[in-house]
Amino acid sequence: MILVDELQRSWLLAQLGPDADSADLERRFFRLRSVRAVALEVLGERRAKLLADPLKVTVDGVVTMDLQENLRGIERQIDQVHQVPPPDGSDGEDDADEALEMTWLVSTRRYR
């Protein structure tokens, strides 16, 4: 059973790169039911992985490694995924409306 059609798979690979694991994308799509949510989850994991390690490491006179631009690039990708309409027709606004409909129920009784 194919959960992601070829148009959706192409869109995901365009957002995430050609090395993205198709089986992993299928599993995520089965759970999340939106290609935009899949892309945002993968990019969020990549961002978290970068933030888990130091962004800049310097060994005096030997090497300097700076990953700050990589982090900015992933954040730009996340913004782009929010703006570009995905091929599954979801525009992301329904998700925001559902979040606004959530309410908290508080008991009127106070226990002593």
C-alpha atoms as a PDB file:
ATOM      1  CA  MET A   1       0.000   0.000   0.000  1.00  0.00           C
ATOM      2  CA  ILE A   2       1.482   3.334  -1.083  1.00  0.00           C
ATOM      3  CA  LEU A   3       0.603   6.146   1.299  1.00  0.00           C
ATOM      4  CA  VAL A   4       2.473   8.942  -0.450  1.00  0.00           C
ATOM      5  CA  ASP A   5       1.829   9.346  -4.173  1.00  0.00           C
ATOM      6  CA  GLU A   6       4.558  10.322  -6.632  1.00  0.00           C
ATOM      7  CA  LEU A   7       3.695  14.055  -6.592  1.00  0.00           C
ATOM      8  CA  GLN A   8       3.825  14.156  -2.789  1.00  0.00           C
ATOM      9  CA  ARG A   9       7.079  12.180  -2.725  1.00  0.00           C
ATOM     10  CA  SER A  10       8.625  14.578  -5.258  1.00  0.00           C
ATOM     11  CA  TRP A  11       7.554  17.581  -3.166  1.00  0.00           C
ATOM     12  CA  LEU A  12       9.015  16.029  -0.004  1.00  0.00           C
ATOM     13  CA  LEU A  13      12.303  15.229  -1.733  1.00  0.00           C
ATOM     14  CA  ALA A  14      12.463  18.782  -3.094  1.00  0.00           C
ATOM     15  CA  GLN A  15      12.070  20.125   0.454  1.00  0.00           C
ATOM     16  CA  LEU A  16      14.294  17.591   2.245  1.00  0.00           C
ATOM     17  CA  GLY A  17      16.861  16.588  -0.365  1.00  0.00           C
ATOM     18  CA  PRO A  18      17.223  13.478  -2.516  1.00  0.00           C
ATOM     19  CA  ASP A  19      18.888  11.471   0.266  1.00  0.00           C
ATOM     20  CA  ALA A  20      15.749  11.400   2.433  1.00  0.00           C
ATOM     21  CA  ASP A  21      14.679   7.854   3.282  1.00  0.00           C
ATOM     22  CA  SER A  22      11.432   7.064   1.433  1.00  0.00           C
ATOM     23  CA  ALA A  23      10.393   4.367   3.912  1.00  0.00           C
ATOM     24  CA  ASP A  24      10.843   6.810   6.801  1.00  0.00           C
ATOM     25  CA  LEU A  25       8.785   9.434   4.955  1.00  0.00           C
ATOM     26  CA  GLU A  26       6.028   6.853   4.376  1.00  0.00           C
ATOM     27  CA  ARG A  27       5.912   5.953   8.090  1.00  0.00           C
ATOM     28  CA  ARG A  28       5.758   9.606   9.083  1.00  0.00           C
ATOM     29  CA  PHE A  29       3.014  10.313   6.535  1.00  0.00           C
ATOM     30  CA  PHE A  30       0.979   7.366   7.851  1.00  0.00           C
ATOM     31  CA  ARG A  31       1.208   8.867  11.358  1.00  0.00           C
ATOM     32  CA  LEU A  32       0.877  12.596  10.506  1.00  0.00           C
ATOM     33  CA  ARG A  33      -1.398  12.448   7.407  1.00  0.00           C
ATOM     34  CA  SER A  34       0.159  15.577   5.849  1.00  0.00           C
ATOM     35  CA  VAL A  35       3.248  15.980   3.679  1.00  0.00           C
ATOM     36  CA  ARG A  36       3.799  19.457   5.168  1.00  0.00           C
ATOM     37  CA  ALA A  37       3.800  17.969   8.682  1.00  0.00           C
ATOM     38  CA  VAL A  38       6.283  15.316   7.542  1.00  0.00           C
ATOM     39  CA  ALA A  39       8.625  17.938   6.077  1.00  0.00           C
ATOM     40  CA  LEU A  40       8.368  20.133   9.177  1.00  0.00           C
ATOM     41  CA  GLU A  41       9.036  17.186  11.489  1.00  0.00           C
ATOM     42  CA  VAL A  42      12.154  16.112   9.555  1.00  0.00           C
ATOM     43  CA  LEU A  43      13.473  19.683   9.381  1.00  0.00           C
ATOM     44  CA  GLY A  44      12.728  20.170  13.076  1.00  0.00           C
ATOM     45  CA  GLU A  45      14.750  17.061  13.902  1.00  0.00           C
ATOM     46  CA  ARG A  46      17.643  18.314  11.784  1.00  0.00           C
ATOM     47  CA  ARG A  47      17.495  21.676  13.577  1.00  0.00           C
ATOM     48  CA  ALA A  48      17.408  20.005  16.999  1.00  0.00           C
ATOM     49  CA  LYS A  49      20.404  17.845  16.078  1.00  0.00           C
ATOM     50  CA  LEU A  50      22.414  20.944  15.150  1.00  0.00           C
ATOM     51  CA  LEU A  51      21.403  22.695  18.374  1.00  0.00           C
ATOM     52  CA  ALA A  52      22.388  19.683  20.487  1.00  0.00           C
ATOM     53  CA  ASP A  53      26.069  20.199  19.613  1.00  0.00           C
ATOM     54  CA  PRO A  54      28.174  23.367  19.751  1.00  0.00           C
ATOM     55  CA  LEU A  55      27.610  25.505  16.666  1.00  0.00           C
ATOM     56  CA  LYS A  56      31.194  26.749  16.585  1.00  0.00           C
ATOM     57  CA  VAL A  57      34.369  24.892  17.487  1.00  0.00           C
ATOM     58  CA  THR A  58      37.861  26.333  17.173  1.00  0.00           C
ATOM     59  CA  VAL A  59      41.167  24.568  17.656  1.00  0.00           C
ATOM     60  CA  ASP A  60      43.762  27.365  17.678  1.00  0.00           C
ATOM     61  CA  GLY A  61      45.950  27.284  14.607  1.00  0.00           C
ATOM     62  CA  VAL A  62      44.424  24.063  13.323  1.00  0.00           C
ATOM     63  CA  VAL A  63      40.757  24.284  12.371  1.00  0.00           C
ATOM     64  CA  THR A  64      37.565  26.276  12.893  1.00  0.00           C
ATOM     65  CA  MET A  65      34.166  24.675  12.320  1.00  0.00           C
ATOM     66  CA  ASP A  66      31.132  26.970  12.252  1.00  0.00           C
ATOM     67  CA  LEU A  67      27.645  25.491  11.766  1.00  0.00           C
ATOM     68  CA  GLN A  68      25.661  28.692  12.370  1.00  0.00           C
ATOM     69  CA  GLU A  69      24.933  29.141   8.658  1.00  0.00           C
ATOM     70  CA  ASN A  70      23.660  25.551   8.484  1.00  0.00           C
ATOM     71  CA  LEU A  71      21.241  26.360  11.312  1.00  0.00           C
ATOM     72  CA  ARG A  72      20.071  29.524   9.542  1.00  0.00           C
ATOM     73  CA  GLY A  73      19.609  27.528   6.337  1.00  0.00           C
ATOM     74  CA  ILE A  74      17.387  24.959   8.057  1.00  0.00           C
ATOM     75  CA  GLU A  75      15.355  27.755   9.665  1.00  0.00           C
ATOM     76  CA  ARG A  76      14.880  29.334   6.208  1.00  0.00           C
ATOM     77  CA  GLN A  77      13.768  25.930   4.895  1.00  0.00           C
ATOM     78  CA  ILE A  78      11.224  25.640   7.707  1.00  0.00           C
ATOM     79  CA  ASP A  79       9.847  29.098   6.821  1.00  0.00           C
ATOM     80  CA  GLN A  80       9.670  28.112   3.155  1.00  0.00           C
ATOM     81  CA  VAL A  81       7.755  24.889   3.924  1.00  0.00           C
ATOM     82  CA  HIS A  82       5.224  26.982   5.861  1.00  0.00           C
ATOM     83  CA  GLN A  83       4.749  29.260   2.815  1.00  0.00           C
ATOM     84  CA  VAL A  84       4.789  26.803  -0.111  1.00  0.00           C
ATOM     85  CA  PRO A  85       1.496  24.955  -0.675  1.00  0.00           C
ATOM     86  CA  PRO A  86       1.999  21.181  -0.447  1.00  0.00           C
ATOM     87  CA  PRO A  87       0.551  18.863  -3.087  1.00  0.00           C
ATOM     88  CA  ASP A  88      -1.878  17.197  -0.654  1.00  0.00           C
ATOM     89  CA  GLY A  89      -4.053  20.301  -0.576  1.00  0.00           C
ATOM     90  CA  SER A  90      -3.584  21.118   3.091  1.00  0.00           C
ATOM     91  CA  ASP A  91      -2.753  24.762   3.605  1.00  0.00           C
ATOM     92  CA  GLY A  92      -1.916  24.501   7.306  1.00  0.00           C
ATOM     93  CA  GLU A  93      -4.675  26.892   8.358  1.00  0.00           C
ATOM     94  CA  ASP A  94      -6.925  24.059   9.550  1.00  0.00           C
ATOM     95  CA  ASP A  95      -4.227  22.950  11.994  1.00  0.00           C
ATOM     96  CA  ALA A  96      -4.014  26.455  13.446  1.00  0.00           C
ATOM     97  CA  ASP A  97      -7.811  26.664  13.797  1.00  0.00           C
ATOM     98  CA  GLU A  98      -7.895  23.362  15.667  1.00  0.00           C
ATOM     99  CA  ALA A  99      -5.267  24.616  18.093  1.00  0.00           C
ATOM    100  CA  LEU A 100      -7.354  27.711  18.798  1.00  0.00           C
ATOM    101  CA  GLU A 101     -10.431  25.602  19.584  1.00  0.00           C
ATOM    102  CA  MET A 102      -8.752  23.826  22.492  1.00  0.00           C
ATOM    103  CA  THR A 103     -10.114  24.762  25.924  1.00  0.00           C
ATOM    104  CA  TRP A 104      -9.244  23.823  29.483  1.00  0.00           C
ATOM    105  CA  LEU A 105     -11.875  22.445  31.807  1.00  0.00           C
ATOM    106  CA  VAL A 106     -11.502  23.516  35.406  1.00  0.00           C
ATOM    107  CA  SER A 107     -13.413  22.035  38.288  1.00  0.00           C
ATOM    108  CA  THR A 108     -15.740  24.478  40.055  1.00  0.00           C
ATOM    109  CA  ARG A 109     -15.389  22.680  43.370  1.00  0.00           C
ATOM    110  CA  ARG A 110     -12.550  23.483  45.641  1.00  0.00           C
ATOM    111  CA  TYR A 111     -11.406  20.730  47.945  1.00  0.00           C
ATOM    112  CA  ARG A 112      -9.930  21.466  51.339  1.00  0.00           C
END
